[in-house]
């Protein structure tokens, strides 16, 4: 694999409409004005349809997405990641679907992989390695890399699980693997770290509450400590230096808070 750089990728050098691929790209957004235009630009020459499902953004995200050429739908409520991604999927019209987050980018190399995969039609879905940044640093350990994610699939063969958080694509059929990176420009500011910790902890606590799970007083501390050890030691986060330590602390806080919220009944 070629080394990714911190600069944003250029748009793929692929045929323009009406010769675009039979592909719908779906993107969920909420207050992503700093990301959405570049995300759309990375797939504009690739996809016949780009669907943005916006969760009542207040920063102009929907307007920016429309100006960038996306088909925009807005929902006032938030049912969780899995149900929301299935909502976005319901707007897809093309035989193939590529699901992206607003802070992800398709490189020209990955675009060529996607085009070849769709042309071959060999598998029902494809996973790809994701290379992520944390506060401007590429992360090679901590369990973050290679982070294979299943994002490309035939519309008639795939759907998302109903998980409120940590949803996954469920595909009926064989899964292939693409060689080139999906780039993930996550956590560009410190405040985003805390925002995501809070959001994921609350969603995780809610999901456990719906399953009737009960926890002891020690559970938040045990799980928080274990999350740090797993990230920094077992997943070799120490090799990423200060970045690895920061990610381990983030994971520990998220795990602690999820169980603490559940115990306090604040899910």
C-alpha atoms as a PDB file:
ATOM      1  CA  UNK A   1       0.000   0.000   0.000  1.00  0.00           C
ATOM      2  CA  UNK A   2       1.132   3.481  -0.721  1.00  0.00           C
ATOM      3  CA  UNK A   3       1.655   5.854   2.176  1.00  0.00           C
ATOM      4  CA  UNK A   4      -1.171   8.352   2.583  1.00  0.00           C
ATOM      5  CA  UNK A   5      -0.396  12.018   3.126  1.00  0.00           C
ATOM      6  CA  UNK A   6      -2.124  14.631   5.241  1.00  0.00           C
ATOM      7  CA  UNK A   7      -3.217  16.624   2.189  1.00  0.00           C
ATOM      8  CA  UNK A   8      -6.726  15.977   0.917  1.00  0.00           C
ATOM      9  CA  UNK A   9      -6.964  13.733  -2.156  1.00  0.00           C
ATOM     10  CA  UNK A  10      -7.884  15.176  -5.511  1.00  0.00           C
ATOM     11  CA  UNK A  11     -11.059  14.098  -7.256  1.00  0.00           C
ATOM     12  CA  UNK A  12     -10.723  10.693  -8.952  1.00  0.00           C
ATOM     13  CA  UNK A  13      -9.687  10.806 -12.612  1.00  0.00           C
ATOM     14  CA  UNK A  14     -12.753   8.938 -13.855  1.00  0.00           C
ATOM     15  CA  UNK A  15     -15.340   9.544 -16.574  1.00  0.00           C
ATOM     16  CA  UNK A  16     -17.862  12.303 -15.877  1.00  0.00           C
ATOM     17  CA  UNK A  17     -21.657  11.964 -16.112  1.00  0.00           C
ATOM     18  CA  UNK A  18     -23.429  10.218 -17.822  1.00  0.00           C
ATOM     19  CA  UNK A  19     -20.614   7.620 -17.696  1.00  0.00           C
ATOM     20  CA  UNK A  20     -20.369   7.541 -13.922  1.00  0.00           C
ATOM     21  CA  UNK A  21     -20.582   4.217 -12.158  1.00  0.00           C
ATOM     22  CA  UNK A  22     -23.935   2.640 -11.230  1.00  0.00           C
ATOM     23  CA  UNK A  23     -23.204   3.709  -7.663  1.00  0.00           C
ATOM     24  CA  UNK A  24     -25.003   5.637  -4.926  1.00  0.00           C
ATOM     25  CA  UNK A  25     -22.854   7.218  -2.215  1.00  0.00           C
ATOM     26  CA  UNK A  26     -24.664   7.766   1.097  1.00  0.00           C
ATOM     27  CA  UNK A  27     -23.394  10.203   3.738  1.00  0.00           C
ATOM     28  CA  UNK A  28     -24.869  11.025   7.153  1.00  0.00           C
ATOM     29  CA  UNK A  29     -24.324  14.549   8.455  1.00  0.00           C
ATOM     30  CA  UNK A  30     -24.962  16.790  11.431  1.00  0.00           C
ATOM     31  CA  UNK A  31     -23.084  20.108  11.507  1.00  0.00           C
ATOM     32  CA  UNK A  32     -20.374  18.949   9.081  1.00  0.00           C
ATOM     33  CA  UNK A  33     -19.831  22.181   7.129  1.00  0.00           C
ATOM     34  CA  UNK A  34     -16.063  21.812   7.546  1.00  0.00           C
ATOM     35  CA  UNK A  35     -16.094  18.324   5.956  1.00  0.00           C
ATOM     36  CA  UNK A  36     -18.991  17.750   3.612  1.00  0.00           C
ATOM     37  CA  UNK A  37     -17.820  19.616   0.485  1.00  0.00           C
ATOM     38  CA  UNK A  38     -14.475  17.783   0.350  1.00  0.00           C
ATOM     39  CA  UNK A  39     -16.120  14.440   1.062  1.00  0.00           C
ATOM     40  CA  UNK A  40     -18.510  14.957  -1.858  1.00  0.00           C
ATOM     41  CA  UNK A  41     -15.682  16.215  -4.087  1.00  0.00           C
ATOM     42  CA  UNK A  42     -13.783  12.963  -3.543  1.00  0.00           C
ATOM     43  CA  UNK A  43     -16.663  10.923  -5.056  1.00  0.00           C
ATOM     44  CA  UNK A  44     -18.310  13.390  -7.446  1.00  0.00           C
ATOM     45  CA  UNK A  45     -16.718  11.911 -10.569  1.00  0.00           C
ATOM     46  CA  UNK A  46     -17.309   8.370  -9.313  1.00  0.00           C
ATOM     47  CA  UNK A  47     -20.996   8.122  -8.372  1.00  0.00           C
ATOM     48  CA  UNK A  48     -24.215   8.542 -10.332  1.00  0.00           C
ATOM     49  CA  UNK A  49     -26.038   9.547  -7.149  1.00  0.00           C
ATOM     50  CA  UNK A  50     -24.817  11.152  -3.910  1.00  0.00           C
ATOM     51  CA  UNK A  51     -27.317  11.093  -1.044  1.00  0.00           C
ATOM     52  CA  UNK A  52     -26.735  13.238   2.051  1.00  0.00           C
ATOM     53  CA  UNK A  53     -29.078  12.523   4.965  1.00  0.00           C
ATOM     54  CA  UNK A  54     -28.775  15.461   7.327  1.00  0.00           C
ATOM     55  CA  UNK A  55     -29.895  15.414  10.946  1.00  0.00           C
ATOM     56  CA  UNK A  56     -31.142  19.019  11.279  1.00  0.00           C
ATOM     57  CA  UNK A  57     -27.766  20.734  11.008  1.00  0.00           C
ATOM     58  CA  UNK A  58     -27.628  24.360  12.127  1.00  0.00           C
ATOM     59  CA  UNK A  59     -24.367  25.317  10.376  1.00  0.00           C
ATOM     60  CA  UNK A  60     -25.452  25.273   6.728  1.00  0.00           C
ATOM     61  CA  UNK A  61     -24.306  21.714   6.022  1.00  0.00           C
ATOM     62  CA  UNK A  62     -27.402  20.896   3.941  1.00  0.00           C
ATOM     63  CA  UNK A  63     -26.975  23.960   1.710  1.00  0.00           C
ATOM     64  CA  UNK A  64     -23.273  23.248   1.193  1.00  0.00           C
ATOM     65  CA  UNK A  65     -24.072  19.657   0.242  1.00  0.00           C
ATOM     66  CA  UNK A  66     -26.697  20.769  -2.280  1.00  0.00           C
ATOM     67  CA  UNK A  67     -24.298  23.283  -3.805  1.00  0.00           C
ATOM     68  CA  UNK A  68     -21.715  20.491  -4.102  1.00  0.00           C
ATOM     69  CA  UNK A  69     -24.145  18.400  -6.149  1.00  0.00           C
ATOM     70  CA  UNK A  70     -25.668  16.052  -3.573  1.00  0.00           C
ATOM     71  CA  UNK A  71     -29.294  15.029  -3.190  1.00  0.00           C
ATOM     72  CA  UNK A  72     -30.109  16.199   0.347  1.00  0.00           C
ATOM     73  CA  UNK A  73     -32.760  14.877   2.724  1.00  0.00           C
ATOM     74  CA  UNK A  74     -33.264  16.233   6.255  1.00  0.00           C
ATOM     75  CA  UNK A  75     -34.626  14.416   9.306  1.00  0.00           C
ATOM     76  CA  UNK A  76     -35.373  16.232  12.582  1.00  0.00           C
ATOM     77  CA  UNK A  77     -34.993  13.137  14.765  1.00  0.00           C
ATOM     78  CA  UNK A  78     -32.016  10.866  15.453  1.00  0.00           C
ATOM     79  CA  UNK A  79     -32.911   7.135  15.694  1.00  0.00           C
ATOM     80  CA  UNK A  80     -29.298   5.915  16.009  1.00  0.00           C
ATOM     81  CA  UNK A  81     -26.577   5.173  13.480  1.00  0.00           C
ATOM     82  CA  UNK A  82     -27.919   1.874  12.132  1.00  0.00           C
ATOM     83  CA  UNK A  83     -31.509   3.052  11.566  1.00  0.00           C
ATOM     84  CA  UNK A  84     -30.317   6.384  10.140  1.00  0.00           C
ATOM     85  CA  UNK A  85     -28.017   4.658   7.649  1.00  0.00           C
ATOM     86  CA  UNK A  86     -30.897   2.425   6.573  1.00  0.00           C
ATOM     87  CA  UNK A  87     -32.947   5.589   6.035  1.00  0.00           C
ATOM     88  CA  UNK A  88     -30.215   6.914   3.760  1.00  0.00           C
ATOM     89  CA  UNK A  89     -30.100   3.556   1.983  1.00  0.00           C
ATOM     90  CA  UNK A  90     -33.819   3.843   1.214  1.00  0.00           C
ATOM     91  CA  UNK A  91     -33.075   6.830  -1.055  1.00  0.00           C
ATOM     92  CA  UNK A  92     -30.497   4.916  -3.125  1.00  0.00           C
ATOM     93  CA  UNK A  93     -31.435   4.275  -6.754  1.00  0.00           C
ATOM     94  CA  UNK A  94     -28.260   2.649  -8.100  1.00  0.00           C
ATOM     95  CA  UNK A  95     -27.339  -1.066  -8.020  1.00  0.00           C
ATOM     96  CA  UNK A  96     -24.253  -0.433  -5.857  1.00  0.00           C
ATOM     97  CA  UNK A  97     -23.924   1.572  -2.635  1.00  0.00           C
ATOM     98  CA  UNK A  98     -20.886   3.142  -0.989  1.00  0.00           C
ATOM     99  CA  UNK A  99     -21.463   4.351   2.576  1.00  0.00           C
ATOM    100  CA  UNK A 100     -19.186   7.149   3.794  1.00  0.00           C
ATOM    101  CA  UNK A 101     -18.840   9.347   6.845  1.00  0.00           C
ATOM    102  CA  UNK A 102     -18.468  13.075   6.218  1.00  0.00           C
ATOM    103  CA  UNK A 103     -14.873  13.051   7.496  1.00  0.00           C
ATOM    104  CA  UNK A 104     -13.796  10.299   5.089  1.00  0.00           C
ATOM    105  CA  UNK A 105     -12.250  10.701   1.642  1.00  0.00           C
ATOM    106  CA  UNK A 106     -11.889   8.416  -1.367  1.00  0.00           C
ATOM    107  CA  UNK A 107      -8.428   8.579  -2.938  1.00  0.00           C
ATOM    108  CA  UNK A 108      -7.948   8.203  -6.721  1.00  0.00           C
ATOM    109  CA  UNK A 109      -6.353   4.797  -6.088  1.00  0.00           C
ATOM    110  CA  UNK A 110      -9.334   3.583  -4.062  1.00  0.00           C
ATOM    111  CA  UNK A 111     -11.717   5.023  -6.664  1.00  0.00           C
ATOM    112  CA  UNK A 112     -10.018   2.857  -9.302  1.00  0.00           C
ATOM    113  CA  UNK A 113     -10.399  -0.177  -7.001  1.00  0.00           C
ATOM    114  CA  UNK A 114     -14.121   0.556  -6.609  1.00  0.00           C
ATOM    115  CA  UNK A 115     -14.615   0.925 -10.362  1.00  0.00           C
ATOM    116  CA  UNK A 116     -12.862  -2.397 -10.993  1.00  0.00           C
ATOM    117  CA  UNK A 117     -14.874  -4.153  -8.267  1.00  0.00           C
ATOM    118  CA  UNK A 118     -18.198  -2.955  -9.671  1.00  0.00           C
ATOM    119  CA  UNK A 119     -17.174  -3.914 -13.199  1.00  0.00           C
ATOM    120  CA  UNK A 120     -16.198  -7.419 -12.126  1.00  0.00           C
ATOM    121  CA  UNK A 121     -19.333  -7.942  -9.981  1.00  0.00           C
ATOM    122  CA  UNK A 122     -17.456 -10.820  -8.370  1.00  0.00           C
ATOM    123  CA  UNK A 123     -18.606 -10.248  -4.801  1.00  0.00           C
ATOM    124  CA  UNK A 124     -21.728  -8.921  -3.084  1.00  0.00           C
ATOM    125  CA  UNK A 125     -19.702  -6.516  -0.944  1.00  0.00           C
ATOM    126  CA  UNK A 126     -16.195  -5.188  -0.430  1.00  0.00           C
ATOM    127  CA  UNK A 127     -14.251  -4.077   2.596  1.00  0.00           C
ATOM    128  CA  UNK A 128     -11.331  -1.645   2.484  1.00  0.00           C
ATOM    129  CA  UNK A 129      -8.514  -0.672   4.868  1.00  0.00           C
ATOM    130  CA  UNK A 130      -9.103   2.659   6.593  1.00  0.00           C
ATOM    131  CA  UNK A 131      -6.220   4.899   7.631  1.00  0.00           C
ATOM    132  CA  UNK A 132      -7.208   7.451  10.271  1.00  0.00           C
ATOM    133  CA  UNK A 133      -5.826  10.659  11.692  1.00  0.00           C
ATOM    134  CA  UNK A 134      -6.066  11.734  15.315  1.00  0.00           C
ATOM    135  CA  UNK A 135      -5.462  15.464  15.842  1.00  0.00           C
ATOM    136  CA  UNK A 136      -3.400  15.625  12.669  1.00  0.00           C
ATOM    137  CA  UNK A 137      -1.347  12.425  13.154  1.00  0.00           C
ATOM    138  CA  UNK A 138      -1.787   9.214  11.177  1.00  0.00           C
ATOM    139  CA  UNK A 139      -2.408   6.294  13.533  1.00  0.00           C
ATOM    140  CA  UNK A 140      -0.776   2.926  12.775  1.00  0.00           C
ATOM    141  CA  UNK A 141      -1.567   1.052  15.990  1.00  0.00           C
ATOM    142  CA  UNK A 142      -4.109   1.290  18.880  1.00  0.00           C
ATOM    143  CA  UNK A 143      -6.333  -1.165  16.989  1.00  0.00           C
ATOM    144  CA  UNK A 144      -6.954   1.561  14.405  1.00  0.00           C
ATOM    145  CA  UNK A 145      -4.939   0.131  11.515  1.00  0.00           C
ATOM    146  CA  UNK A 146      -5.498  -1.674   9.303  1.00  0.00           C
ATOM    147  CA  UNK A 147      -9.104  -0.909  10.157  1.00  0.00           C
ATOM    148  CA  UNK A 148     -11.009  -2.906   7.542  1.00  0.00           C
ATOM    149  CA  UNK A 149     -14.496  -1.508   6.981  1.00  0.00           C
ATOM    150  CA  UNK A 150     -17.195  -2.955   4.737  1.00  0.00           C
ATOM    151  CA  UNK A 151     -18.577   0.040   2.861  1.00  0.00           C
ATOM    152  CA  UNK A 152     -19.219  -1.035  -0.749  1.00  0.00           C
ATOM    153  CA  UNK A 153     -22.058  -3.457  -1.453  1.00  0.00           C
ATOM    154  CA  UNK A 154     -24.808  -4.362  -3.888  1.00  0.00           C
ATOM    155  CA  UNK A 155     -28.012  -2.613  -2.889  1.00  0.00           C
ATOM    156  CA  UNK A 156     -30.086  -5.768  -3.286  1.00  0.00           C
ATOM    157  CA  UNK A 157     -27.730  -7.737  -1.022  1.00  0.00           C
ATOM    158  CA  UNK A 158     -26.959  -5.402   1.879  1.00  0.00           C
ATOM    159  CA  UNK A 159     -28.431  -3.395   4.722  1.00  0.00           C
ATOM    160  CA  UNK A 160     -27.227  -1.955   8.031  1.00  0.00           C
ATOM    161  CA  UNK A 161     -27.719  -3.541  11.419  1.00  0.00           C
ATOM    162  CA  UNK A 162     -30.099  -1.754  13.771  1.00  0.00           C
ATOM    163  CA  UNK A 163     -27.408  -0.958  16.351  1.00  0.00           C
ATOM    164  CA  UNK A 164     -27.663   2.574  17.729  1.00  0.00           C
ATOM    165  CA  UNK A 165     -23.855   2.791  17.656  1.00  0.00           C
ATOM    166  CA  UNK A 166     -21.130   0.610  16.100  1.00  0.00           C
ATOM    167  CA  UNK A 167     -23.518  -0.454  13.346  1.00  0.00           C
ATOM    168  CA  UNK A 168     -22.303  -2.787  10.595  1.00  0.00           C
ATOM    169  CA  UNK A 169     -23.238  -3.697   7.041  1.00  0.00           C
ATOM    170  CA  UNK A 170     -24.978  -7.055   6.729  1.00  0.00           C
ATOM    171  CA  UNK A 171     -24.390  -8.546   3.275  1.00  0.00           C
ATOM    172  CA  UNK A 172     -25.836 -11.699   1.790  1.00  0.00           C
ATOM    173  CA  UNK A 173     -23.029 -13.133  -0.317  1.00  0.00           C
ATOM    174  CA  UNK A 174     -19.244 -13.241  -0.533  1.00  0.00           C
ATOM    175  CA  UNK A 175     -17.107 -10.325   0.634  1.00  0.00           C
ATOM    176  CA  UNK A 176     -13.995  -9.152  -1.212  1.00  0.00           C
ATOM    177  CA  UNK A 177     -11.182  -6.847  -0.067  1.00  0.00           C
ATOM    178  CA  UNK A 178      -9.930  -3.737  -1.862  1.00  0.00           C
ATOM    179  CA  UNK A 179      -6.206  -2.931  -1.517  1.00  0.00           C
ATOM    180  CA  UNK A 180      -6.092   0.866  -1.204  1.00  0.00           C
ATOM    181  CA  UNK A 181      -6.863   3.119   1.762  1.00  0.00           C
ATOM    182  CA  UNK A 182     -10.003   4.943   2.698  1.00  0.00           C
ATOM    183  CA  UNK A 183      -8.747   8.103   4.425  1.00  0.00           C
ATOM    184  CA  UNK A 184     -10.388   9.155   7.682  1.00  0.00           C
ATOM    185  CA  UNK A 185      -9.761  12.714   8.890  1.00  0.00           C
ATOM    186  CA  UNK A 186     -11.162  12.211  12.380  1.00  0.00           C
ATOM    187  CA  UNK A 187     -10.786  14.307  15.516  1.00  0.00           C
ATOM    188  CA  UNK A 188      -9.282  17.453  14.028  1.00  0.00           C
ATOM    189  CA  UNK A 189      -9.922  19.427  17.260  1.00  0.00           C
ATOM    190  CA  UNK A 190      -9.786  18.513  20.946  1.00  0.00           C
ATOM    191  CA  UNK A 191     -13.438  19.468  21.450  1.00  0.00           C
ATOM    192  CA  UNK A 192     -14.430  16.849  18.875  1.00  0.00           C
ATOM    193  CA  UNK A 193     -12.826  14.163  21.035  1.00  0.00           C
ATOM    194  CA  UNK A 194     -15.023  15.017  24.023  1.00  0.00           C
ATOM    195  CA  UNK A 195     -18.117  15.471  21.849  1.00  0.00           C
ATOM    196  CA  UNK A 196     -17.691  12.005  20.375  1.00  0.00           C
ATOM    197  CA  UNK A 197     -16.925  10.437  23.761  1.00  0.00           C
ATOM    198  CA  UNK A 198     -20.170  11.877  25.119  1.00  0.00           C
ATOM    199  CA  UNK A 199     -22.239  10.879  22.091  1.00  0.00           C
ATOM    200  CA  UNK A 200     -20.945   7.320  21.872  1.00  0.00           C
ATOM    201  CA  UNK A 201     -21.129   6.776  25.634  1.00  0.00           C
ATOM    202  CA  UNK A 202     -24.759   7.885  25.739  1.00  0.00           C
ATOM    203  CA  UNK A 203     -25.681   5.740  22.736  1.00  0.00           C
ATOM    204  CA  UNK A 204     -23.873   2.732  24.215  1.00  0.00           C
ATOM    205  CA  UNK A 205     -25.577   3.192  27.583  1.00  0.00           C
ATOM    206  CA  UNK A 206     -28.965   3.485  25.902  1.00  0.00           C
ATOM    207  CA  UNK A 207     -28.390   0.316  23.910  1.00  0.00           C
ATOM    208  CA  UNK A 208     -27.413  -1.620  27.046  1.00  0.00           C
ATOM    209  CA  UNK A 209     -30.418  -0.218  28.933  1.00  0.00           C
ATOM    210  CA  UNK A 210     -32.737  -1.425  26.168  1.00  0.00           C
ATOM    211  CA  UNK A 211     -31.264  -4.904  26.636  1.00  0.00           C
ATOM    212  CA  UNK A 212     -31.934  -4.699  30.373  1.00  0.00           C
ATOM    213  CA  UNK A 213     -28.251  -4.838  31.310  1.00  0.00           C
ATOM    214  CA  UNK A 214     -27.298  -4.061  34.931  1.00  0.00           C
ATOM    215  CA  UNK A 215     -23.851  -3.068  36.169  1.00  0.00           C
ATOM    216  CA  UNK A 216     -22.066  -3.010  39.506  1.00  0.00           C
ATOM    217  CA  UNK A 217     -20.407   0.029  41.075  1.00  0.00           C
ATOM    218  CA  UNK A 218     -16.986  -1.248  39.989  1.00  0.00           C
ATOM    219  CA  UNK A 219     -17.934  -1.943  36.374  1.00  0.00           C
ATOM    220  CA  UNK A 220     -17.214   1.581  35.020  1.00  0.00           C
ATOM    221  CA  UNK A 221     -13.740   1.572  36.602  1.00  0.00           C
ATOM    222  CA  UNK A 222     -12.912  -1.968  35.470  1.00  0.00           C
ATOM    223  CA  UNK A 223     -14.013  -1.373  31.892  1.00  0.00           C
ATOM    224  CA  UNK A 224     -12.349   2.035  31.706  1.00  0.00           C
ATOM    225  CA  UNK A 225      -9.048   0.624  32.943  1.00  0.00           C
ATOM    226  CA  UNK A 226      -9.263  -2.355  30.638  1.00  0.00           C
ATOM    227  CA  UNK A 227      -9.945  -0.090  27.635  1.00  0.00           C
ATOM    228  CA  UNK A 228      -6.749   1.840  28.365  1.00  0.00           C
ATOM    229  CA  UNK A 229      -4.617  -1.303  28.748  1.00  0.00           C
ATOM    230  CA  UNK A 230      -6.090  -2.929  25.646  1.00  0.00           C
ATOM    231  CA  UNK A 231      -5.448   0.162  23.506  1.00  0.00           C
ATOM    232  CA  UNK A 232      -2.053   1.250  24.796  1.00  0.00           C
ATOM    233  CA  UNK A 233      -0.439  -2.130  25.562  1.00  0.00           C
ATOM    234  CA  UNK A 234      -2.156  -5.034  23.791  1.00  0.00           C
ATOM    235  CA  UNK A 235      -2.842  -3.048  20.626  1.00  0.00           C
ATOM    236  CA  UNK A 236       0.595  -1.417  20.835  1.00  0.00           C
ATOM    237  CA  UNK A 237      -0.642   2.150  21.090  1.00  0.00           C
ATOM    238  CA  UNK A 238       2.643   2.997  22.793  1.00  0.00           C
ATOM    239  CA  UNK A 239       4.267   2.781  19.347  1.00  0.00           C
ATOM    240  CA  UNK A 240       2.215   5.820  18.335  1.00  0.00           C
ATOM    241  CA  UNK A 241       3.740   7.775  21.234  1.00  0.00           C
ATOM    242  CA  UNK A 242       1.738  10.665  22.670  1.00  0.00           C
ATOM    243  CA  UNK A 243      -0.974  10.113  20.066  1.00  0.00           C
ATOM    244  CA  UNK A 244      -1.391   6.514  21.225  1.00  0.00           C
ATOM    245  CA  UNK A 245      -1.627   7.616  24.849  1.00  0.00           C
ATOM    246  CA  UNK A 246      -4.288  10.191  23.964  1.00  0.00           C
ATOM    247  CA  UNK A 247      -6.345   7.593  22.111  1.00  0.00           C
ATOM    248  CA  UNK A 248      -6.029   5.167  25.039  1.00  0.00           C
ATOM    249  CA  UNK A 249      -7.292   7.868  27.403  1.00  0.00           C
ATOM    250  CA  UNK A 250     -10.181   8.642  25.072  1.00  0.00           C
ATOM    251  CA  UNK A 251     -11.187   4.971  24.897  1.00  0.00           C
ATOM    252  CA  UNK A 252     -10.901   4.639  28.660  1.00  0.00           C
ATOM    253  CA  UNK A 253     -13.089   7.688  29.276  1.00  0.00           C
ATOM    254  CA  UNK A 254     -15.695   6.498  26.759  1.00  0.00           C
ATOM    255  CA  UNK A 255     -15.880   3.024  28.338  1.00  0.00           C
ATOM    256  CA  UNK A 256     -16.047   4.453  31.865  1.00  0.00           C
ATOM    257  CA  UNK A 257     -18.727   6.984  30.982  1.00  0.00           C
ATOM    258  CA  UNK A 258     -20.892   4.449  29.131  1.00  0.00           C
ATOM    259  CA  UNK A 259     -21.178   2.205  32.193  1.00  0.00           C
ATOM    260  CA  UNK A 260     -21.417   5.144  34.606  1.00  0.00           C
ATOM    261  CA  UNK A 261     -24.347   6.604  32.666  1.00  0.00           C
ATOM    262  CA  UNK A 262     -26.059   3.230  32.588  1.00  0.00           C
ATOM    263  CA  UNK A 263     -25.603   2.793  36.340  1.00  0.00           C
ATOM    264  CA  UNK A 264     -26.969   6.286  37.010  1.00  0.00           C
ATOM    265  CA  UNK A 265     -29.936   5.679  34.723  1.00  0.00           C
ATOM    266  CA  UNK A 266     -28.969   8.566  32.425  1.00  0.00           C
ATOM    267  CA  UNK A 267     -29.043   6.631  29.162  1.00  0.00           C
END
